[in-house]
Amino acid sequence: MLRVTAMVLASVLGAGVVPSAGGGTQTPSGATSAPDCSAPEHRQFDFWRGTWTVSSQGKPAGTNSIEADLEGCALVEQWTAANGSRGTSLNYYDRNTRSWYQSWIDDRGGALRLKGGLQNGRMVMQTDPAPGTKGNAGIQRITWSREADGSVRQLWEASRDGGKTWSTVFDGRYVKSQ
């Protein structure tokens, strides 16, 4: 029923393609194309895939699982902090804007929307400036770096002066779980 409704809407709106149950797109003639997430840009963040034990300053910080989903078009993160807090994120490359995006939320209502891309082998994403105290723009920036030993470093920084100076919010080390 959903597929039929989507096909009718596509015809009325003139879109010409609709999502297919198999993950690709379907034209009104019924032909199905394969998902188009095979470009190298879609694989740039694959170094973060896996099941991880996370530490910060040598102390346990939690666990994290990052898996490919939607025919490899997205990475889905499920994390649990050492204090029991949980959260998730959806990460994807948008070929139209040529940028990576992360939508992140935790079980306490904390949320981030990040945008960025690969810079010198590191994934760097940040929020748009948001109003802060005394009119200063607040920015959150997260950098993921693949380390020589196979671990991943996640450095989360914040700026309250529009990006002139940065302070560390979280500096974590991800080690693959056995």
Protein backbone atom coordinates (compact mmCIF):
# COMPACT_ATOMS: atom_id res chain seq x y z
CA MET A 1 0.00 0.00 0.00
CA LEU A 2 2.82 2.41 0.90
CA ARG A 3 4.56 1.70 -2.41
CA VAL A 4 1.38 2.30 -4.39
CA THR A 5 0.74 5.56 -2.51
CA ALA A 6 4.33 6.70 -3.18
CA MET A 7 3.98 5.86 -6.89
CA VAL A 8 0.72 7.83 -7.13
CA LEU A 9 2.29 10.82 -5.36
CA ALA A 10 5.35 10.66 -7.62
CA SER A 11 3.12 10.63 -10.71
CA VAL A 12 1.03 13.55 -9.48
CA LEU A 13 4.10 15.54 -8.46
CA GLY A 14 6.03 14.57 -11.57
CA ALA A 15 8.95 13.12 -9.62
CA GLY A 16 9.30 10.07 -11.87
CA VAL A 17 10.98 7.82 -9.27
CA VAL A 18 9.84 6.35 -5.97
CA PRO A 19 11.55 4.33 -3.25
CA SER A 20 11.58 0.59 -3.94
CA ALA A 21 11.11 -2.09 -1.30
CA GLY A 22 14.55 -3.42 -2.31
CA GLY A 23 16.37 -0.21 -1.38
CA GLY A 24 16.83 1.34 -4.80
CA THR A 25 14.43 3.51 -6.70
CA GLN A 26 11.59 2.45 -8.94
CA THR A 27 10.41 4.27 -12.04
CA PRO A 28 6.70 4.34 -12.94
CA SER A 29 7.44 1.62 -15.54
CA GLY A 30 8.45 -0.70 -12.68
CA ALA A 31 12.19 -0.86 -13.46
CA THR A 32 14.32 -0.83 -10.30
CA SER A 33 17.77 0.76 -10.04
CA ALA A 34 20.40 -0.21 -7.50
CA PRO A 35 21.10 2.08 -4.53
CA ASP A 36 23.64 4.71 -5.52
CA CYS A 37 25.93 4.89 -2.52
CA SER A 38 28.93 3.16 -4.06
CA ALA A 39 30.99 6.31 -4.75
CA PRO A 40 34.21 6.60 -2.72
CA GLU A 41 32.79 9.59 -0.81
CA HIS A 42 30.20 7.32 0.78
CA ARG A 43 33.02 5.16 2.23
CA GLN A 44 35.05 8.02 3.79
CA PHE A 45 33.70 7.41 7.30
CA ASP A 46 33.88 3.59 7.17
CA PHE A 47 36.94 3.64 9.44
CA TRP A 48 34.50 4.34 12.31
CA ARG A 49 32.42 1.20 11.64
CA GLY A 50 32.57 -1.52 14.25
CA THR A 51 31.91 -2.32 17.89
CA TRP A 52 34.05 -0.27 20.25
CA THR A 53 35.03 0.15 23.88
CA VAL A 54 35.47 3.86 24.56
CA SER A 55 37.72 5.50 27.14
CA SER A 56 38.57 9.08 28.02
CA GLN A 57 41.64 10.09 30.00
CA GLY A 58 42.33 6.39 30.59
CA LYS A 59 38.93 5.75 32.22
CA PRO A 60 36.00 3.77 30.75
CA ALA A 61 33.57 6.11 28.97
CA GLY A 62 31.19 3.56 27.43
CA THR A 63 30.56 1.33 24.45
CA ASN A 64 29.66 2.15 20.89
CA SER A 65 28.44 0.28 17.82
CA ILE A 66 28.52 1.83 14.36
CA GLU A 67 26.95 -0.14 11.49
CA ALA A 68 26.19 0.51 7.84
CA ASP A 69 22.50 0.70 7.02
CA LEU A 70 20.21 1.59 4.11
CA GLU A 71 22.23 -0.39 1.55
CA GLY A 72 25.44 1.32 2.78
CA CYS A 73 24.03 4.84 2.39
CA ALA A 74 24.20 5.62 6.12
CA LEU A 75 26.08 4.79 9.30
CA VAL A 76 23.98 4.31 12.41
CA GLU A 77 25.60 4.77 15.81
CA GLN A 78 24.25 3.27 19.06
CA TRP A 79 26.17 4.23 22.17
CA THR A 80 25.93 3.67 25.90
CA ALA A 81 27.93 5.84 28.30
CA ALA A 82 29.58 4.40 31.40
CA ASN A 83 26.91 6.18 33.51
CA GLY A 84 24.12 4.36 31.61
CA SER A 85 23.08 7.27 29.36
CA ARG A 86 22.32 6.20 25.80
CA GLY A 87 22.10 7.80 22.40
CA THR A 88 22.15 7.37 18.67
CA SER A 89 23.25 9.15 15.54
CA LEU A 90 22.59 8.92 11.83
CA ASN A 91 25.57 9.75 9.60
CA TYR A 92 25.45 10.12 5.82
CA TYR A 93 27.10 11.68 2.80
CA ASP A 94 24.86 13.97 0.74
CA ARG A 95 26.09 13.94 -2.86
CA ASN A 96 24.07 17.09 -3.64
CA THR A 97 25.86 19.25 -1.08
CA ARG A 98 29.04 17.11 -1.15
CA SER A 99 29.05 17.12 2.65
CA TRP A 100 28.77 14.65 5.50
CA TYR A 101 26.02 15.11 8.09
CA GLN A 102 25.40 13.72 11.57
CA SER A 103 22.13 13.97 13.50
CA TRP A 104 22.87 13.02 17.10
CA ILE A 105 20.51 12.69 20.08
CA ASP A 106 20.72 11.27 23.59
CA ASP A 107 18.17 9.97 26.09
CA ARG A 108 18.25 13.27 27.96
CA GLY A 109 17.17 15.37 24.98
CA GLY A 110 20.63 16.61 24.03
CA ALA A 111 20.89 16.99 20.25
CA LEU A 112 23.42 18.08 17.64
CA ARG A 113 23.23 18.57 13.89
CA LEU A 114 26.71 18.51 12.40
CA LYS A 115 28.00 19.09 8.87
CA GLY A 116 31.47 18.63 7.42
CA GLY A 117 33.72 16.23 5.63
CA LEU A 118 37.06 14.51 5.32
CA GLN A 119 40.03 16.82 5.98
CA ASN A 120 43.56 15.41 5.82
CA GLY A 121 42.27 11.88 6.54
CA ARG A 122 40.14 13.00 9.52
CA MET A 123 36.36 13.37 9.56
CA VAL A 124 35.56 16.87 10.83
CA MET A 125 31.99 18.05 11.39
CA GLN A 126 30.58 21.03 13.24
CA THR A 127 27.33 22.75 14.09
CA ASP A 128 26.19 26.05 12.67
CA PRO A 129 26.84 28.95 15.07
CA ALA A 130 24.10 29.28 17.69
CA PRO A 131 23.44 32.31 19.90
CA GLY A 132 25.31 32.07 23.17
CA THR A 133 25.74 34.13 26.27
CA LYS A 134 26.45 37.81 25.70
CA GLY A 135 25.69 37.36 21.99
CA ASN A 136 28.71 35.11 21.35
CA ALA A 137 28.15 32.38 18.76
CA GLY A 138 28.49 28.84 20.12
CA ILE A 139 29.89 26.13 17.83
CA GLN A 140 30.40 22.41 18.48
CA ARG A 141 33.07 20.60 16.43
CA ILE A 142 33.83 16.87 16.44
CA THR A 143 36.87 15.32 14.77
CA TRP A 144 37.31 11.56 14.26
CA SER A 145 40.84 10.37 13.50
CA ARG A 146 41.94 6.86 12.57
CA GLU A 147 45.06 6.11 14.62
CA ALA A 148 48.02 3.94 13.56
CA ASP A 149 47.07 1.18 16.07
CA GLY A 150 43.55 0.82 14.57
CA SER A 151 41.82 2.83 17.29
CA VAL A 152 39.80 5.96 16.56
CA ARG A 153 40.17 9.24 18.43
CA GLN A 154 37.05 11.38 18.82
CA LEU A 155 37.80 14.96 19.84
CA TRP A 156 34.73 17.05 20.66
CA GLU A 157 35.40 20.75 21.06
CA ALA A 158 33.28 23.83 21.73
CA SER A 159 33.80 27.48 20.92
CA ARG A 160 31.91 30.36 22.50
CA ASP A 161 33.56 33.06 20.41
CA GLY A 162 32.57 32.04 16.90
CA GLY A 163 35.49 29.64 16.39
CA LYS A 164 38.39 31.85 17.50
CA THR A 165 39.24 29.62 20.47
CA TRP A 166 38.23 26.05 21.35
CA SER A 167 37.88 24.04 24.56
CA THR A 168 37.70 20.27 24.82
CA VAL A 169 34.31 18.77 25.71
CA PHE A 170 35.31 15.11 25.24
CA ASP A 171 38.52 13.41 24.10
CA GLY A 172 37.78 9.73 23.59
CA ARG A 173 39.66 6.69 22.35
CA TYR A 174 37.70 3.96 20.56
CA VAL A 175 39.25 0.48 20.68
CA LYS A 176 37.62 -2.38 18.74
CA SER A 177 35.88 -4.88 21.01
CA GLN A 178 37.00 -8.49 20.69
